[in-house]
Amino acid sequence: MTRRRGRRGFTLLEVMVAIAVVGLVGVLIYGAFSGMNKSRNNMQKVNDRYQQGRQALDRMSRELSGAYISLHQPIDQRQYARLTQFVGKSQNPADRLDFNAFAHSRLEADSHVSDQVELSYFASTDPETGRLDLVRRADKYLDMEPDRGGLIQVMVEDIVSFDVRYLDPTTYEWVEDWNSSQVAGQLNRLPAQVWIELVVNDQRRGDTIKFATKVSIPIQLPLDFATK
């Protein structure tokens, strides 16, 4: 005699429990991947902030190492159309630095430019976010206004402070301001070294990141090609 094996059917409750278990597993998997993706994005943003700060200091170090002052003037004073200087102003919360340097790269053939450039570092408020940014001004055409003109670009976004100090080679003391164009300042002189400290916001961690570096200026004496 042959016996049939019966097949047990699933009740509605069992089906609902199975669906709930599958759904719970799916939620857990999604949560795990979502958390990993969020952590990765946060780490990437933190790394971007560090990279932005380091690149800014590296660029300023390269350009400051080429700083110079020129006393060379044409015989005819009416043809005098260029002024070089090194001026650092202590301001709160961000200092300003205007100087000339041999730091320009000539990228266009037959262009009437050289390796000389006017440079400025200062803070500017972003009109959209209201945050303070560190910007760089560069003008490849030298004129009588070494602190104006040219192209302005953002170097570091959302900064807290930008502090610059200067080592006086005559006193070996660090000073907050420098002015090579005034008798009351450091007339026709350059600092031996420049200390830069940059503090930026890290909104993701609710903290700040500080960068600092020290730059030596090789060209200490002003350039003068006049025939003695």
N, C-alpha and C. Protein backbone atom coordinates (compact mmCIF):
# COMPACT_ATOMS: atom_id res chain seq x y z
N MET A 1 0.85 -1.19 0.00
CA MET A 1 0.00 0.00 0.00
C MET A 1 0.90 1.25 0.00
N THR A 2 0.64 2.17 -0.91
CA THR A 2 1.45 3.40 -1.04
C THR A 2 0.89 4.52 -0.20
N ARG A 3 1.81 5.20 0.55
CA ARG A 3 1.36 6.30 1.41
C ARG A 3 1.84 7.64 0.82
N ARG A 4 0.96 8.60 0.81
CA ARG A 4 1.31 9.95 0.33
C ARG A 4 1.82 10.81 1.49
N ARG A 5 2.88 11.53 1.19
CA ARG A 5 3.42 12.44 2.21
C ARG A 5 2.77 13.81 2.04
N GLY A 6 2.14 14.26 3.02
CA GLY A 6 1.47 15.55 2.95
C GLY A 6 2.45 16.72 3.04
N ARG A 7 2.09 17.80 2.40
CA ARG A 7 2.92 19.03 2.45
C ARG A 7 2.24 20.05 3.34
N ARG A 8 3.03 20.52 4.33
CA ARG A 8 2.47 21.46 5.31
C ARG A 8 2.46 22.87 4.73
N GLY A 9 1.37 23.57 4.71
CA GLY A 9 1.28 24.93 4.22
C GLY A 9 1.68 25.94 5.28
N PHE A 10 2.12 27.15 4.82
CA PHE A 10 2.52 28.21 5.74
C PHE A 10 1.30 29.05 6.10
N THR A 11 1.23 29.36 7.35
CA THR A 11 0.14 30.21 7.80
C THR A 11 0.48 31.67 7.51
N LEU A 12 -0.51 32.53 7.58
CA LEU A 12 -0.31 33.97 7.33
C LEU A 12 0.65 34.57 8.33
N LEU A 13 0.60 34.11 9.57
CA LEU A 13 1.49 34.63 10.60
C LEU A 13 2.93 34.31 10.29
N GLU A 14 3.18 33.08 9.83
CA GLU A 14 4.55 32.68 9.51
C GLU A 14 5.09 33.49 8.33
N VAL A 15 4.24 33.72 7.36
CA VAL A 15 4.67 34.52 6.21
C VAL A 15 5.04 35.93 6.64
N MET A 16 4.23 36.52 7.51
CA MET A 16 4.50 37.88 7.97
C MET A 16 5.78 37.95 8.79
N VAL A 17 6.01 36.90 9.61
CA VAL A 17 7.24 36.86 10.39
C VAL A 17 8.46 36.78 9.48
N ALA A 18 8.36 35.94 8.44
CA ALA A 18 9.48 35.79 7.49
C ALA A 18 9.77 37.11 6.78
N ILE A 19 8.69 37.79 6.36
CA ILE A 19 8.87 39.08 5.69
C ILE A 19 9.52 40.09 6.63
N ALA A 20 9.09 40.09 7.90
CA ALA A 20 9.66 41.01 8.87
C ALA A 20 11.14 40.75 9.10
N VAL A 21 11.51 39.44 9.17
CA VAL A 21 12.92 39.09 9.37
C VAL A 21 13.76 39.54 8.19
N VAL A 22 13.25 39.29 6.97
CA VAL A 22 13.98 39.71 5.77
C VAL A 22 14.12 41.23 5.73
N GLY A 23 13.03 41.93 6.08
CA GLY A 23 13.08 43.38 6.10
C GLY A 23 14.08 43.91 7.12
N LEU A 24 14.12 43.28 8.32
CA LEU A 24 15.05 43.70 9.35
C LEU A 24 16.49 43.51 8.91
N VAL A 25 16.75 42.36 8.28
CA VAL A 25 18.11 42.11 7.77
C VAL A 25 18.50 43.15 6.73
N GLY A 26 17.53 43.49 5.85
CA GLY A 26 17.80 44.50 4.83
C GLY A 26 18.11 45.85 5.45
N VAL A 27 17.34 46.23 6.48
CA VAL A 27 17.58 47.51 7.16
C VAL A 27 18.95 47.53 7.80
N LEU A 28 19.34 46.42 8.45
CA LEU A 28 20.65 46.35 9.10
C LEU A 28 21.78 46.47 8.08
N ILE A 29 21.62 45.80 6.94
CA ILE A 29 22.65 45.86 5.90
C ILE A 29 22.76 47.28 5.34
N TYR A 30 21.59 47.89 5.08
CA TYR A 30 21.58 49.26 4.57
C TYR A 30 22.22 50.22 5.57
N GLY A 31 21.88 50.04 6.86
CA GLY A 31 22.46 50.91 7.88
C GLY A 31 23.97 50.78 7.96
N ALA A 32 24.45 49.53 7.83
CA ALA A 32 25.89 49.31 7.89
C ALA A 32 26.60 49.99 6.72
N PHE A 33 26.07 49.80 5.51
CA PHE A 33 26.70 50.42 4.33
C PHE A 33 26.56 51.94 4.35
N SER A 34 25.40 52.42 4.84
CA SER A 34 25.21 53.87 4.92
C SER A 34 26.19 54.49 5.89
N GLY A 35 26.39 53.84 7.05
CA GLY A 35 27.35 54.35 8.03
C GLY A 35 28.77 54.35 7.50
N MET A 36 29.13 53.29 6.78
CA MET A 36 30.47 53.23 6.20
C MET A 36 30.66 54.32 5.16
N ASN A 37 29.63 54.55 4.35
CA ASN A 37 29.73 55.56 3.31
C ASN A 37 29.82 56.96 3.92
N LYS A 38 29.04 57.21 5.00
CA LYS A 38 29.10 58.50 5.67
C LYS A 38 30.45 58.74 6.30
N SER A 39 31.00 57.71 6.94
CA SER A 39 32.32 57.84 7.56
C SER A 39 33.39 58.11 6.50
N ARG A 40 33.27 57.43 5.37
CA ARG A 40 34.25 57.63 4.30
C ARG A 40 34.17 59.05 3.76
N ASN A 41 32.94 59.56 3.57
CA ASN A 41 32.78 60.93 3.08
C ASN A 41 33.32 61.95 4.07
N ASN A 42 33.07 61.72 5.36
CA ASN A 42 33.59 62.64 6.38
C ASN A 42 35.11 62.63 6.41
N MET A 43 35.70 61.45 6.31
CA MET A 43 37.16 61.36 6.29
C MET A 43 37.73 62.04 5.06
N GLN A 44 37.03 61.91 3.92
CA GLN A 44 37.49 62.54 2.70
C GLN A 44 37.45 64.07 2.82
N LYS A 45 36.40 64.58 3.46
CA LYS A 45 36.29 66.03 3.64
C LYS A 45 37.37 66.54 4.60
N VAL A 46 37.65 65.79 5.65
CA VAL A 46 38.73 66.18 6.57
C VAL A 46 40.07 66.17 5.84
N ASN A 47 40.31 65.14 5.05
CA ASN A 47 41.55 65.07 4.27
C ASN A 47 41.65 66.23 3.28
N ASP A 48 40.50 66.60 2.69
CA ASP A 48 40.50 67.73 1.76
C ASP A 48 40.90 69.02 2.47
N ARG A 49 40.44 69.22 3.70
CA ARG A 49 40.79 70.41 4.46
C ARG A 49 42.29 70.44 4.77
N TYR A 50 42.83 69.30 5.18
CA TYR A 50 44.26 69.23 5.44
C TYR A 50 45.06 69.48 4.17
N GLN A 51 44.62 68.90 3.06
CA GLN A 51 45.33 69.09 1.80
C GLN A 51 45.26 70.54 1.35
N GLN A 52 44.11 71.17 1.51
CA GLN A 52 43.96 72.58 1.13
C GLN A 52 44.89 73.47 1.94
N GLY A 53 44.96 73.22 3.24
CA GLY A 53 45.85 74.02 4.09
C GLY A 53 47.31 73.80 3.76
N ARG A 54 47.70 72.55 3.56
CA ARG A 54 49.10 72.25 3.25
C ARG A 54 49.50 72.84 1.90
N GLN A 55 48.63 72.74 0.90
CA GLN A 55 48.94 73.29 -0.41
C GLN A 55 49.09 74.80 -0.36
N ALA A 56 48.25 75.47 0.44
CA ALA A 56 48.34 76.92 0.57
C ALA A 56 49.69 77.33 1.18
N LEU A 57 50.10 76.65 2.24
CA LEU A 57 51.38 76.98 2.86
C LEU A 57 52.55 76.66 1.95
N ASP A 58 52.46 75.57 1.21
CA ASP A 58 53.53 75.23 0.27
C ASP A 58 53.67 76.30 -0.81
N ARG A 59 52.54 76.77 -1.31
CA ARG A 59 52.60 77.79 -2.36
C ARG A 59 53.14 79.10 -1.82
N MET A 60 52.68 79.51 -0.66
CA MET A 60 53.18 80.76 -0.06
C MET A 60 54.67 80.65 0.23
N SER A 61 55.12 79.48 0.66
CA SER A 61 56.55 79.30 0.95
C SER A 61 57.38 79.45 -0.32
N ARG A 62 56.93 78.85 -1.42
CA ARG A 62 57.67 78.96 -2.68
C ARG A 62 57.72 80.40 -3.15
N GLU A 63 56.61 81.09 -3.05
CA GLU A 63 56.56 82.46 -3.57
C GLU A 63 57.32 83.43 -2.67
N LEU A 64 57.24 83.25 -1.37
CA LEU A 64 57.98 84.14 -0.46
C LEU A 64 59.49 83.95 -0.59
N SER A 65 59.91 82.75 -0.92
CA SER A 65 61.36 82.52 -1.07
C SER A 65 61.92 83.27 -2.29
N GLY A 66 61.06 83.76 -3.17
CA GLY A 66 61.50 84.54 -4.32
C GLY A 66 61.24 86.03 -4.18
N ALA A 67 60.94 86.49 -2.96
CA ALA A 67 60.64 87.91 -2.73
C ALA A 67 61.89 88.76 -2.97
N TYR A 68 61.66 89.98 -3.45
CA TYR A 68 62.77 90.89 -3.73
C TYR A 68 62.27 92.33 -3.70
N ILE A 69 63.23 93.25 -3.62
CA ILE A 69 62.98 94.68 -3.77
C ILE A 69 63.98 95.20 -4.79
N SER A 70 63.52 96.02 -5.72
CA SER A 70 64.41 96.58 -6.74
C SER A 70 64.49 98.09 -6.60
N LEU A 71 65.72 98.61 -6.59
CA LEU A 71 65.95 100.05 -6.57
C LEU A 71 66.31 100.57 -7.95
N HIS A 72 66.29 99.70 -8.92
CA HIS A 72 66.66 100.10 -10.29
C HIS A 72 65.63 101.07 -10.85
N GLN A 73 66.10 102.20 -11.36
CA GLN A 73 65.23 103.22 -11.93
C GLN A 73 65.80 103.67 -13.26
N PRO A 74 64.93 104.06 -14.21
CA PRO A 74 65.42 104.58 -15.49
C PRO A 74 66.05 105.96 -15.31
N ILE A 75 66.90 106.32 -16.21
CA ILE A 75 67.56 107.63 -16.12
C ILE A 75 66.53 108.74 -16.20
N ASP A 76 65.58 108.59 -17.10
CA ASP A 76 64.51 109.57 -17.24
C ASP A 76 63.41 109.22 -16.23
N GLN A 77 63.24 110.04 -15.22
CA GLN A 77 62.27 109.76 -14.18
C GLN A 77 60.84 109.73 -14.70
N ARG A 78 60.60 110.34 -15.85
CA ARG A 78 59.26 110.32 -16.43
C ARG A 78 58.87 108.93 -16.92
N GLN A 79 59.87 108.07 -17.10
CA GLN A 79 59.62 106.70 -17.54
C GLN A 79 59.48 105.74 -16.36
N TYR A 80 59.58 106.27 -15.17
CA TYR A 80 59.49 105.41 -13.97
C TYR A 80 58.05 104.93 -13.80
N ALA A 81 57.81 103.64 -13.98
CA ALA A 81 56.44 103.13 -13.99
C ALA A 81 56.26 101.88 -13.14
N ARG A 82 57.27 101.52 -12.35
CA ARG A 82 57.17 100.31 -11.53
C ARG A 82 57.65 100.59 -10.11
N LEU A 83 56.98 99.96 -9.17
CA LEU A 83 57.34 100.10 -7.77
C LEU A 83 57.31 98.73 -7.12
N THR A 84 58.38 98.40 -6.41
CA THR A 84 58.44 97.13 -5.70
C THR A 84 58.48 97.40 -4.20
N GLN A 85 57.91 96.48 -3.44
CA GLN A 85 57.89 96.67 -1.98
C GLN A 85 57.61 95.33 -1.30
N PHE A 86 57.77 95.35 0.01
CA PHE A 86 57.42 94.22 0.86
C PHE A 86 56.72 94.80 2.07
N VAL A 87 55.40 94.67 2.12
CA VAL A 87 54.61 95.30 3.17
C VAL A 87 53.71 94.26 3.83
N GLY A 88 53.88 94.10 5.13
CA GLY A 88 53.04 93.20 5.90
C GLY A 88 52.31 93.97 6.98
N LYS A 89 50.98 93.86 7.01
CA LYS A 89 50.16 94.60 7.97
C LYS A 89 49.48 93.63 8.92
N SER A 90 49.63 93.88 10.21
CA SER A 90 48.98 93.05 11.22
C SER A 90 47.53 93.50 11.39
N GLN A 91 46.60 92.59 11.16
CA GLN A 91 45.18 92.88 11.27
C GLN A 91 44.49 91.73 11.96
N ASN A 92 43.29 92.00 12.47
CA ASN A 92 42.52 90.98 13.17
C ASN A 92 41.22 90.71 12.41
N PRO A 93 40.93 89.46 12.06
CA PRO A 93 41.61 88.22 12.46
C PRO A 93 42.66 87.72 11.45
N ALA A 94 42.85 88.46 10.35
CA ALA A 94 43.77 87.97 9.33
C ALA A 94 44.69 89.10 8.87
N ASP A 95 45.99 88.83 8.82
CA ASP A 95 46.96 89.80 8.35
C ASP A 95 46.90 89.93 6.83
N ARG A 96 47.61 90.96 6.33
CA ARG A 96 47.72 91.15 4.89
C ARG A 96 49.19 91.31 4.55
N LEU A 97 49.58 90.71 3.42
CA LEU A 97 50.96 90.77 2.95
C LEU A 97 50.97 91.07 1.46
N ASP A 98 51.69 92.15 1.08
CA ASP A 98 51.85 92.55 -0.32
C ASP A 98 53.34 92.59 -0.63
N PHE A 99 53.75 91.95 -1.70
CA PHE A 99 55.18 91.93 -2.03
C PHE A 99 55.38 91.58 -3.51
N ASN A 100 56.62 91.77 -3.96
CA ASN A 100 57.02 91.38 -5.30
C ASN A 100 57.92 90.16 -5.20
N ALA A 101 57.84 89.30 -6.21
CA ALA A 101 58.63 88.07 -6.16
C ALA A 101 58.96 87.59 -7.57
N PHE A 102 60.04 86.82 -7.64
CA PHE A 102 60.36 86.10 -8.87
C PHE A 102 59.64 84.75 -8.80
N ALA A 103 58.35 84.78 -9.06
CA ALA A 103 57.55 83.57 -8.86
C ALA A 103 56.52 83.34 -9.97
N HIS A 104 56.62 84.10 -11.05
CA HIS A 104 55.64 83.95 -12.13
C HIS A 104 56.17 83.00 -13.21
N SER A 105 55.30 82.14 -13.69
CA SER A 105 55.66 81.20 -14.76
C SER A 105 55.09 81.71 -16.08
N ARG A 106 55.94 81.87 -17.03
CA ARG A 106 55.50 82.35 -18.35
C ARG A 106 54.95 81.16 -19.14
N LEU A 107 53.64 81.20 -19.42
CA LEU A 107 52.96 80.08 -20.06
C LEU A 107 52.59 80.35 -21.52
N GLU A 108 52.64 81.60 -21.94
CA GLU A 108 52.27 81.95 -23.30
C GLU A 108 53.50 82.42 -24.07
N ALA A 109 53.65 81.89 -25.26
CA ALA A 109 54.79 82.29 -26.10
C ALA A 109 54.64 83.73 -26.55
N ASP A 110 55.77 84.44 -26.60
CA ASP A 110 55.82 85.83 -27.07
C ASP A 110 55.01 86.79 -26.19
N SER A 111 54.67 86.39 -24.99
CA SER A 111 53.95 87.30 -24.09
C SER A 111 54.95 88.25 -23.43
N HIS A 112 54.52 89.48 -23.22
CA HIS A 112 55.41 90.51 -22.67
C HIS A 112 55.36 90.48 -21.15
N VAL A 113 55.75 89.37 -20.59
CA VAL A 113 55.82 89.20 -19.14
C VAL A 113 57.12 88.50 -18.78
N SER A 114 57.49 88.56 -17.52
CA SER A 114 58.71 87.91 -17.05
C SER A 114 58.37 87.04 -15.86
N ASP A 115 59.40 86.67 -15.08
CA ASP A 115 59.15 85.88 -13.88
C ASP A 115 58.80 86.74 -12.68
N GLN A 116 58.72 88.07 -12.88
CA GLN A 116 58.35 88.97 -11.80
C GLN A 116 56.82 89.05 -11.68
N VAL A 117 56.35 89.20 -10.45
CA VAL A 117 54.91 89.25 -10.22
C VAL A 117 54.63 89.99 -8.92
N GLU A 118 53.50 90.69 -8.89
CA GLU A 118 52.99 91.28 -7.65
C GLU A 118 52.09 90.26 -6.97
N LEU A 119 52.28 90.06 -5.67
CA LEU A 119 51.50 89.07 -4.93
C LEU A 119 50.94 89.68 -3.65
N SER A 120 49.77 89.17 -3.27
CA SER A 120 49.13 89.58 -2.02
C SER A 120 48.42 88.39 -1.41
N TYR A 121 48.47 88.31 -0.08
CA TYR A 121 47.69 87.33 0.67
C TYR A 121 46.86 88.10 1.70
N PHE A 122 45.57 87.89 1.68
CA PHE A 122 44.70 88.57 2.65
C PHE A 122 43.38 87.82 2.76
N ALA A 123 42.55 88.23 3.69
CA ALA A 123 41.27 87.57 3.91
C ALA A 123 40.15 88.33 3.23
N SER A 124 39.15 87.58 2.77
CA SER A 124 38.00 88.18 2.10
C SER A 124 36.75 87.40 2.52
N THR A 125 35.66 88.11 2.74
CA THR A 125 34.41 87.48 3.16
C THR A 125 33.64 86.96 1.96
N ASP A 126 33.24 85.69 2.03
CA ASP A 126 32.43 85.09 0.97
C ASP A 126 31.02 85.68 1.03
N PRO A 127 30.55 86.33 -0.05
CA PRO A 127 29.23 86.96 -0.01
C PRO A 127 28.08 85.96 0.12
N GLU A 128 28.29 84.70 -0.25
CA GLU A 128 27.23 83.71 -0.20
C GLU A 128 27.12 83.05 1.18
N THR A 129 28.25 82.72 1.77
CA THR A 129 28.24 82.00 3.05
C THR A 129 28.54 82.91 4.24
N GLY A 130 29.15 84.08 3.99
CA GLY A 130 29.52 84.96 5.08
C GLY A 130 30.78 84.51 5.81
N ARG A 131 31.40 83.44 5.32
CA ARG A 131 32.62 82.95 5.97
C ARG A 131 33.85 83.67 5.43
N LEU A 132 34.93 83.58 6.19
CA LEU A 132 36.17 84.25 5.83
C LEU A 132 37.06 83.30 5.04
N ASP A 133 37.55 83.76 3.89
CA ASP A 133 38.43 82.95 3.04
C ASP A 133 39.80 83.62 2.93
N LEU A 134 40.83 82.82 2.80
CA LEU A 134 42.16 83.34 2.51
C LEU A 134 42.33 83.38 1.00
N VAL A 135 42.63 84.56 0.46
CA VAL A 135 42.72 84.71 -0.99
C VAL A 135 44.12 85.14 -1.38
N ARG A 136 44.41 84.94 -2.65
CA ARG A 136 45.71 85.30 -3.23
C ARG A 136 45.48 86.20 -4.44
N ARG A 137 46.17 87.33 -4.44
CA ARG A 137 46.11 88.24 -5.58
C ARG A 137 47.42 88.18 -6.33
N ALA A 138 47.37 88.06 -7.64
CA ALA A 138 48.58 88.00 -8.46
C ALA A 138 48.41 88.89 -9.68
N ASP A 139 49.41 89.73 -9.92
CA ASP A 139 49.41 90.60 -11.09
C ASP A 139 50.76 90.47 -11.77
N LYS A 140 50.76 89.94 -12.99
CA LYS A 140 52.01 89.72 -13.72
C LYS A 140 52.54 90.98 -14.38
N TYR A 141 51.75 92.07 -14.34
CA TYR A 141 52.18 93.34 -14.90
C TYR A 141 52.50 94.30 -13.76
N LEU A 142 53.77 94.58 -13.55
CA LEU A 142 54.19 95.45 -12.46
C LEU A 142 53.87 96.90 -12.79
N ASP A 143 53.43 97.65 -11.77
CA ASP A 143 53.09 99.05 -11.97
C ASP A 143 53.41 99.83 -10.70
N MET A 144 52.83 101.02 -10.57
CA MET A 144 53.09 101.88 -9.42
C MET A 144 52.19 101.55 -8.22
N GLU A 145 51.29 100.58 -8.38
CA GLU A 145 50.41 100.16 -7.30
C GLU A 145 50.61 98.66 -7.05
N PRO A 146 51.65 98.29 -6.31
CA PRO A 146 51.97 96.87 -6.11
C PRO A 146 51.00 96.11 -5.23
N ASP A 147 49.97 96.79 -4.71
CA ASP A 147 48.99 96.10 -3.87
C ASP A 147 47.60 96.07 -4.50
N ARG A 148 47.53 96.39 -5.81
CA ARG A 148 46.24 96.40 -6.49
C ARG A 148 46.35 95.77 -7.86
N GLY A 149 45.15 95.43 -8.42
CA GLY A 149 45.10 94.86 -9.75
C GLY A 149 45.34 93.36 -9.76
N GLY A 150 45.31 92.80 -10.95
CA GLY A 150 45.56 91.38 -11.10
C GLY A 150 44.34 90.52 -10.85
N LEU A 151 44.59 89.24 -10.63
CA LEU A 151 43.55 88.24 -10.44
C LEU A 151 43.54 87.76 -9.00
N ILE A 152 42.35 87.67 -8.42
CA ILE A 152 42.19 87.21 -7.04
C ILE A 152 41.55 85.83 -7.04
N GLN A 153 42.17 84.89 -6.33
CA GLN A 153 41.67 83.53 -6.24
C GLN A 153 41.64 83.08 -4.77
N VAL A 154 40.69 82.23 -4.46
CA VAL A 154 40.57 81.69 -3.11
C VAL A 154 41.60 80.57 -2.92
N MET A 155 42.39 80.67 -1.84
CA MET A 155 43.36 79.64 -1.52
C MET A 155 42.80 78.65 -0.49
N VAL A 156 42.19 79.19 0.57
CA VAL A 156 41.64 78.34 1.63
C VAL A 156 40.29 78.91 2.04
N GLU A 157 39.28 78.07 2.09
CA GLU A 157 37.94 78.50 2.48
C GLU A 157 37.76 78.40 4.00
N ASP A 158 36.92 79.25 4.52
CA ASP A 158 36.46 79.19 5.91
C ASP A 158 37.63 79.14 6.90
N ILE A 159 38.36 80.24 6.98
CA ILE A 159 39.49 80.30 7.91
C ILE A 159 39.08 81.00 9.20
N VAL A 160 39.85 80.76 10.25
CA VAL A 160 39.65 81.42 11.53
C VAL A 160 40.61 82.60 11.67
N SER A 161 41.88 82.37 11.33
CA SER A 161 42.88 83.44 11.44
C SER A 161 44.03 83.16 10.48
N PHE A 162 44.75 84.26 10.16
CA PHE A 162 45.94 84.19 9.31
C PHE A 162 46.95 85.16 9.89
N ASP A 163 47.98 84.62 10.52
CA ASP A 163 48.95 85.42 11.26
C ASP A 163 50.32 85.30 10.60
N VAL A 164 50.94 86.46 10.34
CA VAL A 164 52.26 86.50 9.70
C VAL A 164 53.19 87.36 10.56
N ARG A 165 54.38 86.83 10.82
CA ARG A 165 55.40 87.57 11.56
C ARG A 165 56.71 87.56 10.79
N TYR A 166 57.57 88.54 11.11
CA TYR A 166 58.77 88.76 10.31
C TYR A 166 59.99 88.86 11.22
N LEU A 167 61.07 88.18 10.82
CA LEU A 167 62.31 88.19 11.59
C LEU A 167 63.21 89.30 11.07
N ASP A 168 63.47 90.30 11.90
CA ASP A 168 64.33 91.42 11.52
C ASP A 168 65.79 90.97 11.61
N PRO A 169 66.53 91.00 10.50
CA PRO A 169 67.92 90.53 10.54
C PRO A 169 68.86 91.43 11.32
N THR A 170 68.43 92.66 11.61
CA THR A 170 69.30 93.57 12.36
C THR A 170 69.14 93.42 13.87
N THR A 171 67.97 93.01 14.32
CA THR A 171 67.72 92.86 15.75
C THR A 171 67.48 91.41 16.17
N TYR A 172 67.26 90.55 15.17
CA TYR A 172 66.94 89.13 15.42
C TYR A 172 65.70 88.97 16.29
N GLU A 173 64.76 89.87 16.09
CA GLU A 173 63.49 89.81 16.80
C GLU A 173 62.34 89.66 15.80
N TRP A 174 61.30 88.95 16.24
CA TRP A 174 60.11 88.79 15.40
C TRP A 174 59.20 89.99 15.60
N VAL A 175 58.75 90.58 14.49
CA VAL A 175 57.88 91.74 14.54
C VAL A 175 56.57 91.42 13.81
N GLU A 176 55.52 92.18 14.17
CA GLU A 176 54.18 91.92 13.61
C GLU A 176 53.96 92.61 12.27
N ASP A 177 54.68 93.71 12.01
CA ASP A 177 54.49 94.48 10.78
C ASP A 177 55.83 94.67 10.07
N TRP A 178 55.72 94.91 8.75
CA TRP A 178 56.91 95.17 7.97
C TRP A 178 56.54 96.12 6.83
N ASN A 179 57.41 97.13 6.60
CA ASN A 179 57.14 98.07 5.52
C ASN A 179 58.47 98.54 4.93
N SER A 180 58.77 98.06 3.75
CA SER A 180 60.04 98.39 3.11
C SER A 180 60.00 99.71 2.37
N SER A 181 58.84 100.37 2.34
CA SER A 181 58.70 101.60 1.57
C SER A 181 58.65 102.86 2.44
N GLN A 182 58.78 102.71 3.75
CA GLN A 182 58.71 103.86 4.64
C GLN A 182 59.96 103.93 5.52
N VAL A 183 60.41 105.17 5.75
CA VAL A 183 61.58 105.38 6.60
C VAL A 183 61.30 104.92 8.02
N ALA A 184 60.07 105.12 8.48
CA ALA A 184 59.71 104.72 9.83
C ALA A 184 59.57 103.21 9.96
N GLY A 185 59.57 102.51 8.84
CA GLY A 185 59.47 101.05 8.87
C GLY A 185 60.82 100.40 8.70
N GLN A 186 60.92 99.55 7.69
CA GLN A 186 62.18 98.87 7.38
C GLN A 186 62.56 99.24 5.95
N LEU A 187 62.97 100.48 5.76
CA LEU A 187 63.19 101.03 4.43
C LEU A 187 64.17 100.19 3.62
N ASN A 188 63.70 99.75 2.45
CA ASN A 188 64.51 98.99 1.48
C ASN A 188 65.15 97.75 2.10
N ARG A 189 64.45 97.16 3.06
CA ARG A 189 64.97 95.94 3.67
C ARG A 189 63.91 94.83 3.63
N LEU A 190 64.39 93.61 3.59
CA LEU A 190 63.52 92.43 3.63
C LEU A 190 63.77 91.66 4.92
N PRO A 191 62.74 90.99 5.42
CA PRO A 191 62.96 90.17 6.62
C PRO A 191 63.81 88.95 6.28
N ALA A 192 64.52 88.46 7.28
CA ALA A 192 65.33 87.26 7.07
C ALA A 192 64.45 86.02 6.93
N GLN A 193 63.37 85.99 7.70
CA GLN A 193 62.44 84.86 7.67
C GLN A 193 61.01 85.38 7.88
N VAL A 194 60.07 84.57 7.42
CA VAL A 194 58.66 84.88 7.60
C VAL A 194 57.98 83.68 8.25
N TRP A 195 57.27 83.93 9.33
CA TRP A 195 56.53 82.88 10.04
C TRP A 195 55.05 83.01 9.69
N ILE A 196 54.45 81.91 9.24
CA ILE A 196 53.05 81.91 8.83
C ILE A 196 52.28 80.91 9.69
N GLU A 197 51.16 81.37 10.24
CA GLU A 197 50.28 80.48 10.99
C GLU A 197 48.85 80.65 10.47
N LEU A 198 48.28 79.57 10.02
CA LEU A 198 46.94 79.57 9.44
C LEU A 198 46.05 78.62 10.22
N VAL A 199 44.89 79.12 10.67
CA VAL A 199 43.91 78.31 11.41
C VAL A 199 42.62 78.27 10.60
N VAL A 200 42.12 77.07 10.33
CA VAL A 200 40.91 76.90 9.53
C VAL A 200 39.85 76.16 10.34
N ASN A 201 38.61 76.35 9.97
CA ASN A 201 37.50 75.67 10.62
C ASN A 201 37.34 74.26 10.06
N ASP A 202 36.96 73.36 10.93
CA ASP A 202 36.59 72.00 10.53
C ASP A 202 35.16 71.77 11.01
N GLN A 203 34.19 72.13 10.17
CA GLN A 203 32.78 72.10 10.55
C GLN A 203 32.30 70.69 10.89
N ARG A 204 32.86 69.69 10.28
CA ARG A 204 32.38 68.32 10.50
C ARG A 204 32.70 67.83 11.91
N ARG A 205 33.84 68.24 12.46
CA ARG A 205 34.21 67.81 13.81
C ARG A 205 33.98 68.89 14.85
N GLY A 206 33.52 70.07 14.40
CA GLY A 206 33.32 71.17 15.34
C GLY A 206 34.61 71.62 15.98
N ASP A 207 35.70 71.59 15.22
CA ASP A 207 37.02 71.91 15.75
C ASP A 207 37.75 72.79 14.74
N THR A 208 39.01 73.11 15.04
CA THR A 208 39.85 73.88 14.13
C THR A 208 41.12 73.10 13.81
N ILE A 209 41.74 73.46 12.68
CA ILE A 209 43.00 72.84 12.25
C ILE A 209 44.02 73.96 12.07
N LYS A 210 45.19 73.78 12.66
CA LYS A 210 46.24 74.82 12.59
C LYS A 210 47.40 74.33 11.73
N PHE A 211 47.84 75.21 10.84
CA PHE A 211 49.01 74.97 10.00
C PHE A 211 50.03 76.07 10.28
N ALA A 212 51.30 75.72 10.25
CA ALA A 212 52.35 76.72 10.49
C ALA A 212 53.60 76.34 9.73
N THR A 213 54.32 77.34 9.29
CA THR A 213 55.58 77.11 8.59
C THR A 213 56.46 78.35 8.72
N LYS A 214 57.75 78.18 8.45
CA LYS A 214 58.71 79.27 8.49
C LYS A 214 59.48 79.29 7.18
N VAL A 215 59.58 80.47 6.56
CA VAL A 215 60.18 80.61 5.24
C VAL A 215 61.37 81.55 5.31
N SER A 216 62.47 81.14 4.74
CA SER A 216 63.66 81.99 4.64
C SER A 216 63.63 82.76 3.32
N ILE A 217 64.08 84.01 3.36
CA ILE A 217 64.13 84.85 2.16
C ILE A 217 65.60 85.04 1.78
N PRO A 218 66.04 84.43 0.68
CA PRO A 218 67.46 84.48 0.32
C PRO A 218 67.94 85.86 -0.11
N ILE A 219 67.11 86.62 -0.83
CA ILE A 219 67.53 87.93 -1.35
C ILE A 219 67.32 88.97 -0.25
N GLN A 220 68.38 89.28 0.46
CA GLN A 220 68.29 90.20 1.59
C GLN A 220 68.47 91.66 1.16
N LEU A 221 69.35 91.92 0.21
CA LEU A 221 69.64 93.28 -0.21
C LEU A 221 68.80 93.65 -1.42
N PRO A 222 68.41 94.92 -1.53
CA PRO A 222 67.63 95.35 -2.70
C PRO A 222 68.49 95.29 -3.96
N LEU A 223 67.85 94.99 -5.07
CA LEU A 223 68.53 94.92 -6.35
C LEU A 223 68.73 96.33 -6.91
N ASP A 224 69.95 96.62 -7.37
CA ASP A 224 70.25 97.93 -7.91
C ASP A 224 71.26 97.76 -9.02
N PHE A 225 70.81 98.01 -10.26
CA PHE A 225 71.68 97.82 -11.42
C PHE A 225 72.25 99.12 -11.94
N ALA A 226 72.13 100.16 -11.13
CA ALA A 226 72.65 101.47 -11.56
C ALA A 226 74.17 101.41 -11.64
N THR A 227 74.72 102.08 -12.62
CA THR A 227 76.17 102.13 -12.78
C THR A 227 76.77 103.13 -11.79
N LYS A 228 77.71 102.65 -10.99
CA LYS A 228 78.34 103.51 -9.99
C LYS A 228 79.50 104.28 -10.61
